[in-house]
Every structure is written in structure tokens, then in C-alpha cells.
Amino acid sequence: MSYNGWKNKETWLVNLWIGDSLTMDQEAGCEINAAYIELMVDEMASALLDGPDANGFMTDLFNCALGEIDYHELASHYEEDE
């Protein structure tokens, strides 16, 4: 199922929320690839999941959503813009 032209809602949300940062990083000379995007998302997620309010249910739900992100699709979006 696609969402606003993206593979799914989770992938679209990553681009929606951090797309501007990725564009700025790219303009600064960073290579935007799947590993770079995944690392950025993982760092943001860790800040939330490692906090004192994290619990099993929310952590499981969050991790399920993270597993749906298509980092290669996101990276190809930035490769096309170069």
C-alpha cells in the first residue's frame, strides 16, 4: 500500500519530518544514503526509547513502525535530486 507516493506511511513520515535536514546535509556535502538516513532515525529513536518513560508496549509499537521504513527508497529520493 502506498502513501502520498511513498512505499508506506512510515517512510513518508521520515521524509516529512527530517527531509529538510537531509537536504541541508546533502547541500553541505554529505552523502545521503540508506545507512546515513537509518543512523539519523536510530539516533532520534534512541533518545525516545531509552528515556525513563519508555515501556514495553510503546517500545514494541515504535519498533514495529521503525521496521517498516524503507531507507533505500528514501536514499534514492535524494540521489535523484543531486
PDB file of N, CA and C in Angstrom:
ATOM      1  N   MET A   1       0.845  -1.175   0.000  1.00  0.00           N
ATOM      2  CA  MET A   1       0.000   0.000   0.000  1.00  0.00           C
ATOM      3  C   MET A   1       0.893   1.241   0.000  1.00  0.00           C
ATOM      4  N   SER A   2       0.668   2.143  -0.929  1.00  0.00           N
ATOM      5  CA  SER A   2       1.488   3.349  -0.983  1.00  0.00           C
ATOM      6  C   SER A   2       0.813   4.497  -0.222  1.00  0.00           C
ATOM      7  N   TYR A   3       1.629   5.472   0.107  1.00  0.00           N
ATOM      8  CA  TYR A   3       1.127   6.610   0.883  1.00  0.00           C
ATOM      9  C   TYR A   3       1.775   7.877   0.346  1.00  0.00           C
ATOM     10  N   ASN A   4       0.966   8.727  -0.261  1.00  0.00           N
ATOM     11  CA  ASN A   4       1.449  10.001  -0.824  1.00  0.00           C
ATOM     12  C   ASN A   4       2.661   9.807  -1.734  1.00  0.00           C
ATOM     13  N   GLY A   5       2.648   8.740  -2.513  1.00  0.00           N
ATOM     14  CA  GLY A   5       3.736   8.463  -3.439  1.00  0.00           C
ATOM     15  C   GLY A   5       4.899   7.692  -2.837  1.00  0.00           C
ATOM     16  N   TRP A   6       4.860   7.414  -1.551  1.00  0.00           N
ATOM     17  CA  TRP A   6       5.907   6.658  -0.866  1.00  0.00           C
ATOM     18  C   TRP A   6       5.416   5.245  -0.604  1.00  0.00           C
ATOM     19  N   LYS A   7       6.344   4.339  -0.331  1.00  0.00           N
ATOM     20  CA  LYS A   7       6.003   2.925  -0.107  1.00  0.00           C
ATOM     21  C   LYS A   7       4.959   2.750   0.986  1.00  0.00           C
ATOM     22  N   ASN A   8       5.093   3.520   2.075  1.00  0.00           N
ATOM     23  CA  ASN A   8       4.158   3.406   3.191  1.00  0.00           C
ATOM     24  C   ASN A   8       4.197   4.687   4.026  1.00  0.00           C
ATOM     25  N   LYS A   9       3.342   4.761   5.000  1.00  0.00           N
ATOM     26  CA  LYS A   9       3.245   5.970   5.819  1.00  0.00           C
ATOM     27  C   LYS A   9       4.516   6.204   6.636  1.00  0.00           C
ATOM     28  N   GLU A  10       5.124   5.150   7.120  1.00  0.00           N
ATOM     29  CA  GLU A  10       6.328   5.294   7.938  1.00  0.00           C
ATOM     30  C   GLU A  10       7.469   5.937   7.143  1.00  0.00           C
ATOM     31  N   THR A  11       7.633   5.500   5.902  1.00  0.00           N
ATOM     32  CA  THR A  11       8.680   6.062   5.043  1.00  0.00           C
ATOM     33  C   THR A  11       8.367   7.518   4.727  1.00  0.00           C
ATOM     34  N   TRP A  12       7.123   7.800   4.415  1.00  0.00           N
ATOM     35  CA  TRP A  12       6.687   9.165   4.139  1.00  0.00           C
ATOM     36  C   TRP A  12       6.941  10.071   5.347  1.00  0.00           C
ATOM     37  N   LEU A  13       6.635   9.570   6.556  1.00  0.00           N
ATOM     38  CA  LEU A  13       6.830  10.369   7.762  1.00  0.00           C
ATOM     39  C   LEU A  13       8.296  10.730   7.988  1.00  0.00           C
ATOM     40  N   VAL A  14       9.201   9.799   7.708  1.00  0.00           N
ATOM     41  CA  VAL A  14      10.624  10.108   7.854  1.00  0.00           C
ATOM     42  C   VAL A  14      10.984  11.268   6.933  1.00  0.00           C
ATOM     43  N   ASN A  15      10.563  11.197   5.678  1.00  0.00           N
ATOM     44  CA  ASN A  15      10.871  12.278   4.755  1.00  0.00           C
ATOM     45  C   ASN A  15      10.195  13.580   5.176  1.00  0.00           C
ATOM     46  N   LEU A  16       8.981  13.496   5.665  1.00  0.00           N
ATOM     47  CA  LEU A  16       8.258  14.686   6.099  1.00  0.00           C
ATOM     48  C   LEU A  16       8.991  15.386   7.243  1.00  0.00           C
ATOM     49  N   TRP A  17       9.417  14.613   8.237  1.00  0.00           N
ATOM     50  CA  TRP A  17       9.986  15.197   9.451  1.00  0.00           C
ATOM     51  C   TRP A  17      11.473  15.516   9.350  1.00  0.00           C
ATOM     52  N   ILE A  18      12.245  14.729   8.621  1.00  0.00           N
ATOM     53  CA  ILE A  18      13.683  15.022   8.577  1.00  0.00           C
ATOM     54  C   ILE A  18      14.194  15.307   7.172  1.00  0.00           C
ATOM     55  N   GLY A  19      13.291  15.402   6.216  1.00  0.00           N
ATOM     56  CA  GLY A  19      13.698  15.687   4.836  1.00  0.00           C
ATOM     57  C   GLY A  19      14.473  16.981   4.689  1.00  0.00           C
ATOM     58  N   ASP A  20      14.059  18.029   5.395  1.00  0.00           N
ATOM     59  CA  ASP A  20      14.786  19.299   5.310  1.00  0.00           C
ATOM     60  C   ASP A  20      16.206  19.158   5.848  1.00  0.00           C
ATOM     61  N   SER A  21      16.362  18.412   6.929  1.00  0.00           N
ATOM     62  CA  SER A  21      17.704  18.183   7.489  1.00  0.00           C
ATOM     63  C   SER A  21      18.559  17.385   6.511  1.00  0.00           C
ATOM     64  N   LEU A  22      17.955  16.394   5.871  1.00  0.00           N
ATOM     65  CA  LEU A  22      18.698  15.603   4.899  1.00  0.00           C
ATOM     66  C   LEU A  22      19.134  16.462   3.715  1.00  0.00           C
ATOM     67  N   THR A  23      18.252  17.343   3.265  1.00  0.00           N
ATOM     68  CA  THR A  23      18.587  18.245   2.159  1.00  0.00           C
ATOM     69  C   THR A  23      19.729  19.176   2.553  1.00  0.00           C
ATOM     70  N   MET A  24      19.679  19.719   3.762  1.00  0.00           N
ATOM     71  CA  MET A  24      20.756  20.602   4.233  1.00  0.00           C
ATOM     72  C   MET A  24      22.071  19.835   4.348  1.00  0.00           C
ATOM     73  N   ASP A  25      22.004  18.608   4.850  1.00  0.00           N
ATOM     74  CA  ASP A  25      23.209  17.789   4.949  1.00  0.00           C
ATOM     75  C   ASP A  25      23.788  17.511   3.567  1.00  0.00           C
ATOM     76  N   GLN A  26      22.909  17.231   2.624  1.00  0.00           N
ATOM     77  CA  GLN A  26      23.343  16.961   1.256  1.00  0.00           C
ATOM     78  C   GLN A  26      24.006  18.204   0.657  1.00  0.00           C
ATOM     79  N   GLU A  27      23.412  19.354   0.878  1.00  0.00           N
ATOM     80  CA  GLU A  27      23.985  20.603   0.365  1.00  0.00           C
ATOM     81  C   GLU A  27      25.330  20.919   1.018  1.00  0.00           C
ATOM     82  N   ALA A  28      25.523  20.419   2.236  1.00  0.00           N
ATOM     83  CA  ALA A  28      26.792  20.618   2.946  1.00  0.00           C
ATOM     84  C   ALA A  28      27.844  19.598   2.531  1.00  0.00           C
ATOM     85  N   GLY A  29      27.491  18.703   1.611  1.00  0.00           N
ATOM     86  CA  GLY A  29      28.453  17.749   1.087  1.00  0.00           C
ATOM     87  C   GLY A  29      28.344  16.338   1.611  1.00  0.00           C
ATOM     88  N   CYS A  30      27.379  16.066   2.467  1.00  0.00           N
ATOM     89  CA  CYS A  30      27.193  14.703   2.980  1.00  0.00           C
ATOM     90  C   CYS A  30      26.567  13.819   1.914  1.00  0.00           C
ATOM     91  N   GLU A  31      27.010  12.589   1.888  1.00  0.00           N
ATOM     92  CA  GLU A  31      26.386  11.607   1.001  1.00  0.00           C
ATOM     93  C   GLU A  31      25.163  11.053   1.712  1.00  0.00           C
ATOM     94  N   ILE A  32      24.003  11.260   1.128  1.00  0.00           N
ATOM     95  CA  ILE A  32      22.759  10.787   1.726  1.00  0.00           C
ATOM     96  C   ILE A  32      22.464   9.415   1.142  1.00  0.00           C
ATOM     97  N   ASN A  33      22.686   8.390   1.945  1.00  0.00           N
ATOM     98  CA  ASN A  33      22.396   7.027   1.519  1.00  0.00           C
ATOM     99  C   ASN A  33      21.535   6.365   2.589  1.00  0.00           C
ATOM    100  N   ALA A  34      21.152   5.136   2.343  1.00  0.00           N
ATOM    101  CA  ALA A  34      20.252   4.429   3.263  1.00  0.00           C
ATOM    102  C   ALA A  34      20.850   4.322   4.663  1.00  0.00           C
ATOM    103  N   ALA A  35      22.134   4.030   4.752  1.00  0.00           N
ATOM    104  CA  ALA A  35      22.784   3.882   6.060  1.00  0.00           C
ATOM    105  C   ALA A  35      22.796   5.201   6.828  1.00  0.00           C
ATOM    106  N   TYR A  36      23.022   6.293   6.125  1.00  0.00           N
ATOM    107  CA  TYR A  36      23.045   7.623   6.758  1.00  0.00           C
ATOM    108  C   TYR A  36      21.665   7.960   7.329  1.00  0.00           C
ATOM    109  N   ILE A  37      20.640   7.722   6.547  1.00  0.00           N
ATOM    110  CA  ILE A  37      19.277   8.031   6.998  1.00  0.00           C
ATOM    111  C   ILE A  37      18.886   7.137   8.169  1.00  0.00           C
ATOM    112  N   GLU A  38      19.212   5.860   8.073  1.00  0.00           N
ATOM    113  CA  GLU A  38      18.877   4.933   9.150  1.00  0.00           C
ATOM    114  C   GLU A  38      19.579   5.317  10.449  1.00  0.00           C
ATOM    115  N   LEU A  39      20.838   5.725  10.356  1.00  0.00           N
ATOM    116  CA  LEU A  39      21.567   6.156  11.543  1.00  0.00           C
ATOM    117  C   LEU A  39      20.898   7.383  12.165  1.00  0.00           C
ATOM    118  N   MET A  40      20.490   8.313  11.336  1.00  0.00           N
ATOM    119  CA  MET A  40      19.827   9.522  11.830  1.00  0.00           C
ATOM    120  C   MET A  40      18.523   9.164  12.554  1.00  0.00           C
ATOM    121  N   VAL A  41      17.728   8.296  11.964  1.00  0.00           N
ATOM    122  CA  VAL A  41      16.465   7.872  12.577  1.00  0.00           C
ATOM    123  C   VAL A  41      16.738   7.090  13.859  1.00  0.00           C
ATOM    124  N   ASP A  42      17.722   6.199  13.826  1.00  0.00           N
ATOM    125  CA  ASP A  42      18.054   5.409  15.016  1.00  0.00           C
ATOM    126  C   ASP A  42      18.485   6.295  16.179  1.00  0.00           C
ATOM    127  N   GLU A  43      19.257   7.334  15.902  1.00  0.00           N
ATOM    128  CA  GLU A  43      19.689   8.249  16.958  1.00  0.00           C
ATOM    129  C   GLU A  43      18.495   8.981  17.566  1.00  0.00           C
ATOM    130  N   MET A  44      17.568   9.398  16.714  1.00  0.00           N
ATOM    131  CA  MET A  44      16.373  10.081  17.211  1.00  0.00           C
ATOM    132  C   MET A  44      15.507   9.120  18.020  1.00  0.00           C
ATOM    133  N   ALA A  45      15.358   7.904  17.529  1.00  0.00           N
ATOM    134  CA  ALA A  45      14.538   6.907  18.219  1.00  0.00           C
ATOM    135  C   ALA A  45      15.148   6.526  19.558  1.00  0.00           C
ATOM    136  N   SER A  46      16.457   6.380  19.602  1.00  0.00           N
ATOM    137  CA  SER A  46      17.126   6.018  20.854  1.00  0.00           C
ATOM    138  C   SER A  46      16.895   7.060  21.936  1.00  0.00           C
ATOM    139  N   ALA A  47      16.864   8.308  21.535  1.00  0.00           N
ATOM    140  CA  ALA A  47      16.624   9.379  22.509  1.00  0.00           C
ATOM    141  C   ALA A  47      15.256   9.217  23.171  1.00  0.00           C
ATOM    142  N   LEU A  48      14.300   8.702  22.425  1.00  0.00           N
ATOM    143  CA  LEU A  48      12.955   8.495  22.974  1.00  0.00           C
ATOM    144  C   LEU A  48      12.814   7.158  23.693  1.00  0.00           C
ATOM    145  N   LEU A  49      13.380   6.121  23.112  1.00  0.00           N
ATOM    146  CA  LEU A  49      13.193   4.776  23.646  1.00  0.00           C
ATOM    147  C   LEU A  49      14.037   4.485  24.879  1.00  0.00           C
ATOM    148  N   ASP A  50      15.097   5.231  25.061  1.00  0.00           N
ATOM    149  CA  ASP A  50      15.971   4.993  26.205  1.00  0.00           C
ATOM    150  C   ASP A  50      15.606   5.861  27.399  1.00  0.00           C
ATOM    151  N   GLY A  51      14.563   6.665  27.261  1.00  0.00           N
ATOM    152  CA  GLY A  51      14.171   7.565  28.333  1.00  0.00           C
ATOM    153  C   GLY A  51      13.431   6.859  29.453  1.00  0.00           C
ATOM    154  N   PRO A  52      13.212   7.582  30.536  1.00  0.00           N
ATOM    155  CA  PRO A  52      12.550   6.984  31.706  1.00  0.00           C
ATOM    156  C   PRO A  52      11.082   6.626  31.471  1.00  0.00           C
ATOM    157  N   ASP A  53      10.461   7.223  30.467  1.00  0.00           N
ATOM    158  CA  ASP A  53       9.046   6.959  30.210  1.00  0.00           C
ATOM    159  C   ASP A  53       8.807   5.807  29.238  1.00  0.00           C
ATOM    160  N   ALA A  54       9.870   5.235  28.706  1.00  0.00           N
ATOM    161  CA  ALA A  54       9.722   4.123  27.764  1.00  0.00           C
ATOM    162  C   ALA A  54       9.185   2.903  28.495  1.00  0.00           C
ATOM    163  N   ASN A  55       8.242   2.223  27.860  1.00  0.00           N
ATOM    164  CA  ASN A  55       7.720   0.985  28.437  1.00  0.00           C
ATOM    165  C   ASN A  55       7.609  -0.070  27.350  1.00  0.00           C
ATOM    166  N   GLY A  56       7.349  -1.274  27.728  1.00  0.00           N
ATOM    167  CA  GLY A  56       7.324  -2.381  26.778  1.00  0.00           C
ATOM    168  C   GLY A  56       6.362  -2.200  25.628  1.00  0.00           C
ATOM    169  N   PHE A  57       5.141  -1.803  25.915  1.00  0.00           N
ATOM    170  CA  PHE A  57       4.133  -1.657  24.866  1.00  0.00           C
ATOM    171  C   PHE A  57       4.538  -0.590  23.853  1.00  0.00           C
ATOM    172  N   MET A  58       4.874   0.598  24.335  1.00  0.00           N
ATOM    173  CA  MET A  58       5.213   1.697  23.434  1.00  0.00           C
ATOM    174  C   MET A  58       6.508   1.406  22.677  1.00  0.00           C
ATOM    175  N   THR A  59       7.452   0.785  23.330  1.00  0.00           N
ATOM    176  CA  THR A  59       8.700   0.430  22.673  1.00  0.00           C
ATOM    177  C   THR A  59       8.449  -0.581  21.562  1.00  0.00           C
ATOM    178  N   ASP A  60       7.631  -1.586  21.829  1.00  0.00           N
ATOM    179  CA  ASP A  60       7.295  -2.578  20.803  1.00  0.00           C
ATOM    180  C   ASP A  60       6.569  -1.934  19.627  1.00  0.00           C
ATOM    181  N   LEU A  61       5.621  -1.089  19.916  1.00  0.00           N
ATOM    182  CA  LEU A  61       4.857  -0.418  18.866  1.00  0.00           C
ATOM    183  C   LEU A  61       5.771   0.459  18.014  1.00  0.00           C
ATOM    184  N   PHE A  62       6.626   1.210  18.674  1.00  0.00           N
ATOM    185  CA  PHE A  62       7.569   2.094  17.999  1.00  0.00           C
ATOM    186  C   PHE A  62       8.519   1.292  17.127  1.00  0.00           C
ATOM    187  N   ASN A  63       9.037   0.185  17.662  1.00  0.00           N
ATOM    188  CA  ASN A  63       9.962  -0.650  16.895  1.00  0.00           C
ATOM    189  C   ASN A  63       9.296  -1.277  15.678  1.00  0.00           C
ATOM    190  N   CYS A  64       8.023  -1.605  15.787  1.00  0.00           N
ATOM    191  CA  CYS A  64       7.290  -2.127  14.622  1.00  0.00           C
ATOM    192  C   CYS A  64       7.240  -1.091  13.514  1.00  0.00           C
ATOM    193  N   ALA A  65       6.956   0.138  13.886  1.00  0.00           N
ATOM    194  CA  ALA A  65       6.900   1.219  12.897  1.00  0.00           C
ATOM    195  C   ALA A  65       8.275   1.446  12.273  1.00  0.00           C
ATOM    196  N   LEU A  66       9.328   1.421  13.092  1.00  0.00           N
ATOM    197  CA  LEU A  66      10.681   1.613  12.570  1.00  0.00           C
ATOM    198  C   LEU A  66      11.037   0.536  11.553  1.00  0.00           C
ATOM    199  N   GLY A  67      10.549  -0.667  11.773  1.00  0.00           N
ATOM    200  CA  GLY A  67      10.835  -1.770  10.861  1.00  0.00           C
ATOM    201  C   GLY A  67      10.184  -1.637   9.499  1.00  0.00           C
ATOM    202  N   GLU A  68       9.230  -0.756   9.370  1.00  0.00           N
ATOM    203  CA  GLU A  68       8.532  -0.556   8.098  1.00  0.00           C
ATOM    204  C   GLU A  68       9.175   0.504   7.204  1.00  0.00           C
ATOM    205  N   ILE A  69      10.112   1.264   7.731  1.00  0.00           N
ATOM    206  CA  ILE A  69      10.728   2.347   6.961  1.00  0.00           C
ATOM    207  C   ILE A  69      11.606   1.768   5.858  1.00  0.00           C
ATOM    208  N   ASP A  70      11.404   2.269   4.642  1.00  0.00           N
ATOM    209  CA  ASP A  70      12.208   1.834   3.501  1.00  0.00           C
ATOM    210  C   ASP A  70      13.325   2.861   3.285  1.00  0.00           C
ATOM    211  N   TYR A  71      14.474   2.599   3.901  1.00  0.00           N
ATOM    212  CA  TYR A  71      15.591   3.531   3.835  1.00  0.00           C
ATOM    213  C   TYR A  71      16.174   3.635   2.430  1.00  0.00           C
ATOM    214  N   HIS A  72      16.083   2.576   1.649  1.00  0.00           N
ATOM    215  CA  HIS A  72      16.598   2.611   0.280  1.00  0.00           C
ATOM    216  C   HIS A  72      15.729   3.507  -0.598  1.00  0.00           C
ATOM    217  N   GLU A  73      14.425   3.485  -0.380  1.00  0.00           N
ATOM    218  CA  GLU A  73      13.549   4.381  -1.140  1.00  0.00           C
ATOM    219  C   GLU A  73      13.859   5.826  -0.793  1.00  0.00           C
ATOM    220  N   LEU A  74      14.041   6.102   0.481  1.00  0.00           N
ATOM    221  CA  LEU A  74      14.383   7.460   0.896  1.00  0.00           C
ATOM    222  C   LEU A  74      15.703   7.897   0.271  1.00  0.00           C
ATOM    223  N   ALA A  75      16.707   7.044   0.319  1.00  0.00           N
ATOM    224  CA  ALA A  75      18.012   7.387  -0.245  1.00  0.00           C
ATOM    225  C   ALA A  75      17.920   7.649  -1.734  1.00  0.00           C
ATOM    226  N   SER A  76      17.128   6.859  -2.443  1.00  0.00           N
ATOM    227  CA  SER A  76      17.011   7.060  -3.891  1.00  0.00           C
ATOM    228  C   SER A  76      16.344   8.393  -4.198  1.00  0.00           C
ATOM    229  N   HIS A  77      15.505   8.866  -3.319  1.00  0.00           N
ATOM    230  CA  HIS A  77      14.879  10.185  -3.494  1.00  0.00           C
ATOM    231  C   HIS A  77      15.947  11.279  -3.501  1.00  0.00           C
ATOM    232  N   TYR A  78      16.943  11.150  -2.649  1.00  0.00           N
ATOM    233  CA  TYR A  78      17.996  12.152  -2.572  1.00  0.00           C
ATOM    234  C   TYR A  78      19.051  11.949  -3.656  1.00  0.00           C
ATOM    235  N   GLU A  79      19.236  10.740  -4.126  1.00  0.00           N
ATOM    236  CA  GLU A  79      20.149  10.511  -5.245  1.00  0.00           C
ATOM    237  C   GLU A  79      19.619  11.164  -6.505  1.00  0.00           C
ATOM    238  N   GLU A  80      18.326  11.119  -6.704  1.00  0.00           N
ATOM    239  CA  GLU A  80      17.698  11.711  -7.883  1.00  0.00           C
ATOM    240  C   GLU A  80      17.797  13.225  -7.866  1.00  0.00           C
ATOM    241  N   ASP A  81      17.833  13.815  -6.675  1.00  0.00           N
ATOM    242  CA  ASP A  81      17.877  15.264  -6.563  1.00  0.00           C
ATOM    243  C   ASP A  81      19.269  15.847  -6.757  1.00  0.00           C
ATOM    244  N   GLU A  82      20.291  14.987  -6.815  1.00  0.00           N
ATOM    245  CA  GLU A  82      21.673  15.500  -6.921  1.00  0.00           C
ATOM    246  C   GLU A  82      21.919  16.152  -8.255  1.00  0.00           C
TER     247      GLU A  82
END
